[in-house]
Amino acid sequence: MIFFLTSFVVSVMAAATPLLLAATGELVAERSGVLNLGVEGMMLVGAVVGFVAGHYTDSAALGVVAATFGGAALAAIFAVLTLTLLSNQTAAGLALTIFGRGFSSLFGAAYVGIKGPVLPKLTVPGLSQLPFFGPTLFGQDALVYGSFVILAAVAWFLNRSHGGLVLRAVGDSHDAAHAIGYSVNRIRFGATLFGGAMAGLAGGYMSLAYSPLWAENMTAGRGWIALALVVFATWRPGFLVGGAYLFGSIMYLSLYVQGVGVPIPSPLISALPYVVTVVVLAMISRDPRRIRLNQPACLGKSFAAGA
């Protein structure tokens, strides 16, 4: 029993980490008023760029850095399109996902099935060998711990710092923020780059830790779940953890059920996390007052100085 529980918790933590990383970045972008639907594409680009960099340098750490820059580079394209050229954010985000999927398939075609470097687990002598608590608390890789540190830093930044107040002001009323002297698009550009970097980092985790190899479309819709998580958390950082680990648990259970041979069609089991996503969002939408209370008022709205 203790072995199964340990295995379950460790697996859920691994499944939830890329969701938490990507959702944290998207949360910051959306709090600034930018709706970037290209999370899936940025994750795929981060995954393939990180894997290829790790493969040639034989260093998972350098692969993670490359994945972060890969996601940020794709986010920069989105930022130029939507903040400088004032393109529609929804259309540009969807195009970004399509581009990221195509680019990753083309760029990663030669690396399918090749095993890459693995992000090592961190161990604490004497503690990592403890039953249950050792593997779960003292035997994870750096990005599992990093996801909590980054989320805590984001929560502090948004709720306790002057910069976070300015960013939220831009998301809630970009005209008012501009009127008192803040550069709306510059702030949004930075938030968008951060969101892309986090999505790329999540993708790098997929190809360098969760499943250390490259496979086409390996994120399998996790970028869309990360987008849903932001709404699920009603744009509050603290609620992201519960949402990420809830969906991580469902994703692991769907794999576990397939592994033990439960007589349910495998496509139906594979679709379970996404069905739950739709159900959860439908339940949340029944209370629009709660969403309006926390949703940035200028989410998805372009800003042009002097317009």
Protein backbone atom coordinates (compact mmCIF):
# COMPACT_ATOMS: atom_id res chain seq x y z
CA MET A 1 0.00 0.00 0.00
CA ILE A 2 2.77 2.46 0.91
CA PHE A 3 4.55 1.62 -2.36
CA PHE A 4 1.43 2.32 -4.44
CA LEU A 5 0.76 5.59 -2.57
CA THR A 6 4.36 6.73 -3.04
CA SER A 7 4.27 5.85 -6.73
CA PHE A 8 0.94 7.65 -7.15
CA VAL A 9 2.10 10.88 -5.49
CA VAL A 10 5.43 10.93 -7.36
CA SER A 11 3.66 10.34 -10.69
CA VAL A 12 1.07 13.04 -9.99
CA MET A 13 3.80 15.55 -9.13
CA ALA A 14 5.54 14.80 -12.43
CA ALA A 15 2.29 15.13 -14.38
CA ALA A 16 1.27 18.36 -12.63
CA THR A 17 4.60 20.21 -12.93
CA PRO A 18 4.38 21.20 -16.64
CA LEU A 19 0.77 22.30 -16.11
CA LEU A 20 1.76 24.45 -13.14
CA LEU A 21 4.71 26.02 -14.95
CA ALA A 22 2.75 26.87 -18.09
CA ALA A 23 -0.30 28.12 -16.16
CA THR A 24 1.85 30.37 -13.97
CA GLY A 25 3.30 32.09 -17.02
CA GLU A 26 -0.10 32.47 -18.67
CA LEU A 27 -1.51 33.89 -15.44
CA VAL A 28 1.02 36.73 -15.47
CA ALA A 29 0.34 37.45 -19.14
CA GLU A 30 -3.43 37.52 -18.61
CA ARG A 31 -3.19 39.70 -15.52
CA SER A 32 -1.53 42.28 -17.77
CA GLY A 33 -4.45 42.06 -20.23
CA VAL A 34 -2.83 39.74 -22.82
CA LEU A 35 -4.73 36.62 -23.86
CA ASN A 36 -2.20 34.27 -25.44
CA LEU A 37 -3.86 31.09 -26.70
CA GLY A 38 -0.56 29.86 -28.11
CA VAL A 39 0.58 28.08 -24.92
CA GLU A 40 0.42 24.67 -26.59
CA GLY A 41 2.61 25.85 -29.47
CA MET A 42 5.16 27.47 -27.15
CA MET A 43 5.32 24.30 -25.06
CA LEU A 44 6.00 22.20 -28.17
CA VAL A 45 8.73 24.55 -29.37
CA GLY A 46 10.27 24.56 -25.90
CA ALA A 47 10.14 20.76 -25.80
CA VAL A 48 11.87 20.22 -29.13
CA VAL A 49 14.43 23.03 -28.76
CA GLY A 50 15.29 21.87 -25.24
CA PHE A 51 15.63 18.25 -26.32
CA VAL A 52 17.84 19.04 -29.31
CA ALA A 53 20.05 21.36 -27.24
CA GLY A 54 20.31 18.76 -24.49
CA HIS A 55 21.09 16.04 -27.04
CA TYR A 56 24.02 17.92 -28.59
CA THR A 57 25.44 19.30 -25.35
CA ASP A 58 24.65 16.15 -23.34
CA SER A 59 23.35 18.46 -20.62
CA ALA A 60 19.73 18.51 -19.50
CA ALA A 61 20.36 21.79 -17.66
CA LEU A 62 21.44 23.54 -20.88
CA GLY A 63 18.45 21.95 -22.58
CA VAL A 64 16.14 23.54 -20.00
CA VAL A 65 17.74 26.95 -20.63
CA ALA A 66 17.32 26.52 -24.39
CA ALA A 67 13.69 25.47 -23.94
CA THR A 68 13.01 28.62 -21.93
CA PHE A 69 14.47 30.83 -24.64
CA GLY A 70 12.61 28.89 -27.33
CA GLY A 71 9.26 29.57 -25.69
CA ALA A 72 10.17 33.22 -25.09
CA ALA A 73 11.18 33.65 -28.74
CA LEU A 74 7.80 32.42 -29.95
CA ALA A 75 6.08 34.68 -27.39
CA ALA A 76 8.09 37.62 -28.76
CA ILE A 77 6.60 36.98 -32.20
CA PHE A 78 3.14 36.98 -30.67
CA ALA A 79 3.89 40.20 -28.77
CA VAL A 80 5.04 42.00 -31.92
CA LEU A 81 1.94 40.87 -33.80
CA THR A 82 -0.55 41.82 -31.10
CA LEU A 83 1.06 44.71 -29.21
CA THR A 84 2.96 46.46 -32.00
CA LEU A 85 0.88 45.57 -35.06
CA LEU A 86 -2.37 45.35 -33.05
CA SER A 87 -3.42 41.99 -34.50
CA ASN A 88 -6.32 40.16 -32.91
CA GLN A 89 -4.98 38.30 -29.87
CA THR A 90 -7.27 35.29 -30.22
CA ALA A 91 -6.42 34.73 -33.89
CA ALA A 92 -2.70 35.31 -33.33
CA GLY A 93 -2.65 32.86 -30.40
CA LEU A 94 -4.35 30.14 -32.41
CA ALA A 95 -1.92 30.76 -35.28
CA LEU A 96 0.95 30.49 -32.81
CA THR A 97 -0.26 27.05 -31.71
CA ILE A 98 -0.51 25.87 -35.32
CA PHE A 99 2.95 27.25 -36.11
CA GLY A 100 4.48 25.73 -32.98
CA ARG A 101 3.03 22.32 -33.76
CA GLY A 102 4.27 22.41 -37.36
CA PHE A 103 7.71 23.78 -36.47
CA SER A 104 8.26 21.22 -33.72
CA SER A 105 7.22 18.34 -36.00
CA LEU A 106 9.56 19.49 -38.76
CA PHE A 107 12.49 20.41 -36.52
CA GLY A 108 12.19 17.29 -34.41
CA ALA A 109 11.61 14.75 -37.19
CA ALA A 110 15.21 13.54 -37.08
CA TYR A 111 15.15 13.02 -33.31
CA VAL A 112 12.05 10.86 -32.89
CA GLY A 113 12.78 7.87 -30.65
CA ILE A 114 16.25 9.08 -29.62
CA LYS A 115 16.80 9.04 -25.89
CA GLY A 116 18.04 12.33 -24.52
CA PRO A 117 19.70 13.49 -21.29
CA VAL A 118 17.59 13.28 -18.16
CA LEU A 119 17.20 16.05 -15.63
CA PRO A 120 18.66 14.45 -12.49
CA LYS A 121 16.72 13.94 -9.27
CA LEU A 122 17.96 15.92 -6.30
CA THR A 123 18.66 13.86 -3.21
CA VAL A 124 19.24 14.74 0.42
CA PRO A 125 21.42 12.18 2.24
CA GLY A 126 19.48 10.51 5.01
CA LEU A 127 16.15 12.05 4.00
CA SER A 128 15.66 10.78 0.44
CA GLN A 129 15.64 7.19 1.74
CA LEU A 130 12.73 7.75 4.11
CA PRO A 131 9.55 5.78 3.33
CA PHE A 132 7.04 7.86 1.32
CA PHE A 133 8.41 11.27 2.35
CA GLY A 134 11.84 10.54 0.90
CA PRO A 135 10.81 10.09 -2.76
CA THR A 136 7.97 12.62 -2.62
CA LEU A 137 9.61 15.49 -0.76
CA PHE A 138 13.35 14.91 -1.08
CA GLY A 139 13.75 13.02 -4.35
CA GLN A 140 12.35 15.27 -7.08
CA ASP A 141 14.15 17.12 -9.88
CA ALA A 142 14.88 20.83 -9.71
CA LEU A 143 11.90 21.89 -11.84
CA VAL A 144 9.38 20.26 -9.50
CA TYR A 145 10.69 22.37 -6.63
CA GLY A 146 11.20 25.30 -8.99
CA SER A 147 7.53 25.30 -10.01
CA PHE A 148 6.55 26.05 -6.39
CA VAL A 149 9.28 28.67 -5.97
CA ILE A 150 8.27 30.44 -9.19
CA LEU A 151 4.58 30.37 -8.26
CA ALA A 152 5.33 31.78 -4.80
CA ALA A 153 7.47 34.53 -6.37
CA VAL A 154 4.69 35.37 -8.84
CA ALA A 155 2.10 35.47 -6.04
CA TRP A 156 4.31 37.82 -4.03
CA PHE A 157 5.02 39.98 -7.07
CA LEU A 158 1.35 40.34 -8.04
CA ASN A 159 -0.02 40.91 -4.55
CA ARG A 160 2.80 42.53 -2.58
CA SER A 161 4.97 44.56 -4.93
CA HIS A 162 4.61 47.90 -6.68
CA GLY A 163 5.47 46.28 -10.02
CA GLY A 164 2.69 43.74 -9.55
CA LEU A 165 0.23 46.52 -8.75
CA VAL A 166 1.20 48.31 -11.95
CA LEU A 167 0.85 45.12 -14.00
CA ARG A 168 -2.61 44.44 -12.57
CA ALA A 169 -3.59 48.05 -13.20
CA VAL A 170 -2.62 47.68 -16.85
CA GLY A 171 -4.78 44.57 -17.09
CA ASP A 172 -7.74 46.18 -15.39
CA SER A 173 -7.68 49.59 -17.10
CA HIS A 174 -4.99 50.23 -19.67
CA ASP A 175 -6.30 53.73 -20.42
CA ALA A 176 -6.01 54.77 -16.77
CA ALA A 177 -2.53 53.22 -16.48
CA HIS A 178 -1.42 55.09 -19.60
CA ALA A 179 -2.92 58.34 -18.32
CA ILE A 180 -0.73 58.28 -15.21
CA GLY A 181 2.41 57.62 -17.23
CA TYR A 182 2.91 53.85 -17.50
CA SER A 183 3.97 52.26 -20.78
CA VAL A 184 1.14 49.77 -21.28
CA ASN A 185 2.58 47.83 -24.19
CA ARG A 186 6.06 47.67 -22.69
CA ILE A 187 4.65 46.13 -19.52
CA ARG A 188 2.52 43.73 -21.55
CA PHE A 189 5.51 42.81 -23.69
CA GLY A 190 7.47 41.80 -20.60
CA ALA A 191 4.53 39.80 -19.21
CA THR A 192 4.07 38.04 -22.56
CA LEU A 193 7.76 37.11 -22.72
CA PHE A 194 7.57 35.72 -19.19
CA GLY A 195 4.53 33.66 -20.13
CA GLY A 196 6.32 32.29 -23.18
CA ALA A 197 9.45 31.48 -21.18
CA MET A 198 7.37 29.54 -18.66
CA ALA A 199 5.56 27.66 -21.42
CA GLY A 200 8.91 26.79 -22.99
CA LEU A 201 10.19 25.67 -19.59
CA ALA A 202 7.12 23.45 -19.23
CA GLY A 203 7.83 21.94 -22.63
CA GLY A 204 11.46 21.39 -21.70
CA TYR A 205 10.31 19.54 -18.61
CA MET A 206 8.23 17.26 -20.82
CA SER A 207 11.15 16.24 -23.05
CA LEU A 208 13.97 16.29 -20.48
CA ALA A 209 12.36 15.00 -17.28
CA TYR A 210 8.81 13.70 -17.62
CA SER A 211 9.56 11.63 -20.73
CA PRO A 212 13.22 12.14 -21.76
CA LEU A 213 12.76 11.75 -25.50
CA TRP A 214 11.19 13.63 -28.37
CA ALA A 215 7.86 12.53 -29.83
CA GLU A 216 5.66 14.52 -32.16
CA ASN A 217 2.90 16.44 -30.34
CA MET A 218 4.20 15.12 -27.01
CA THR A 219 2.47 17.82 -24.98
CA ALA A 220 -0.86 16.24 -26.00
CA GLY A 221 -3.06 19.22 -25.22
CA ARG A 222 -1.48 20.21 -21.92
CA GLY A 223 -1.19 23.79 -23.12
CA TRP A 224 -4.96 23.99 -23.43
CA ILE A 225 -5.37 22.54 -19.96
CA ALA A 226 -2.95 25.17 -18.63
CA LEU A 227 -5.14 27.87 -20.19
CA ALA A 228 -8.19 26.34 -18.54
CA LEU A 229 -6.33 26.24 -15.22
CA VAL A 230 -6.00 30.02 -15.19
CA VAL A 231 -9.78 30.34 -15.47
CA PHE A 232 -10.24 27.50 -12.96
CA ALA A 233 -8.06 29.43 -10.50
CA THR A 234 -9.97 32.64 -11.32
CA TRP A 235 -6.65 34.41 -11.99
CA ARG A 236 -5.38 33.81 -8.43
CA PRO A 237 -1.94 32.18 -8.08
CA GLY A 238 -2.74 30.18 -4.95
CA PHE A 239 -5.51 28.24 -6.66
CA LEU A 240 -3.25 27.13 -9.51
CA VAL A 241 -1.57 24.50 -7.34
CA GLY A 242 -4.81 22.73 -6.51
CA GLY A 243 -5.96 22.85 -10.13
CA ALA A 244 -2.65 21.60 -11.54
CA TYR A 245 -2.50 18.69 -9.11
CA LEU A 246 -6.17 17.85 -9.68
CA PHE A 247 -5.63 17.54 -13.42
CA GLY A 248 -2.28 15.84 -12.85
CA SER A 249 -4.07 13.20 -10.78
CA ILE A 250 -6.66 12.65 -13.50
CA MET A 251 -3.97 12.33 -16.16
CA TYR A 252 -2.08 9.77 -14.11
CA LEU A 253 -5.23 7.79 -13.33
CA SER A 254 -6.11 7.65 -17.02
CA LEU A 255 -2.68 6.11 -17.73
CA TYR A 256 -2.96 3.78 -14.73
CA VAL A 257 -6.37 2.53 -15.78
CA GLN A 258 -5.02 1.72 -19.24
CA GLY A 259 -2.01 -0.03 -17.70
CA VAL A 260 -4.03 -2.40 -15.52
CA GLY A 261 -6.25 -3.36 -18.44
CA VAL A 262 -9.62 -1.98 -17.36
CA PRO A 263 -12.07 -2.91 -20.16
CA ILE A 264 -12.78 0.68 -21.26
CA PRO A 265 -11.87 1.87 -24.78
CA SER A 266 -8.43 3.50 -24.59
CA PRO A 267 -9.48 6.59 -26.61
CA LEU A 268 -12.19 7.26 -24.03
CA ILE A 269 -9.70 6.91 -21.17
CA SER A 270 -7.20 9.17 -22.94
CA ALA A 271 -9.91 11.79 -23.37
CA LEU A 272 -10.78 11.75 -19.66
CA PRO A 273 -8.57 14.72 -18.59
CA TYR A 274 -10.04 16.89 -21.33
CA VAL A 275 -13.60 15.83 -20.57
CA VAL A 276 -13.00 16.79 -16.94
CA THR A 277 -11.58 20.13 -18.13
CA VAL A 278 -14.75 20.90 -20.05
CA VAL A 279 -16.96 19.82 -17.13
CA VAL A 280 -15.01 21.93 -14.62
CA LEU A 281 -15.14 25.02 -16.85
CA ALA A 282 -18.86 24.50 -17.40
CA MET A 283 -19.38 24.37 -13.64
CA ILE A 284 -17.32 27.53 -13.12
CA SER A 285 -19.22 29.39 -15.84
CA ARG A 286 -22.45 28.86 -13.89
CA ASP A 287 -21.22 31.59 -11.55
CA PRO A 288 -20.28 34.46 -13.91
CA ARG A 289 -20.16 36.90 -11.00
CA ARG A 290 -17.15 35.10 -9.57
CA ILE A 291 -15.36 35.25 -12.91
CA ARG A 292 -16.12 38.93 -13.48
CA LEU A 293 -14.86 39.72 -9.99
CA ASN A 294 -11.35 38.42 -10.74
CA GLN A 295 -10.96 38.53 -14.52
CA PRO A 296 -8.83 41.44 -15.80
CA ALA A 297 -11.23 43.92 -17.37
CA CYS A 298 -8.99 44.56 -20.39
CA LEU A 299 -8.17 40.90 -21.08
CA GLY A 300 -7.69 40.40 -24.80
CA LYS A 301 -8.13 44.10 -25.64
CA SER A 302 -5.45 45.83 -27.70
CA PHE A 303 -4.10 49.22 -26.65
CA ALA A 304 -2.92 51.98 -28.95
CA ALA A 305 -1.61 55.18 -27.40
CA GLY A 306 -3.56 58.18 -28.61
CA ALA A 307 -6.33 56.05 -30.14
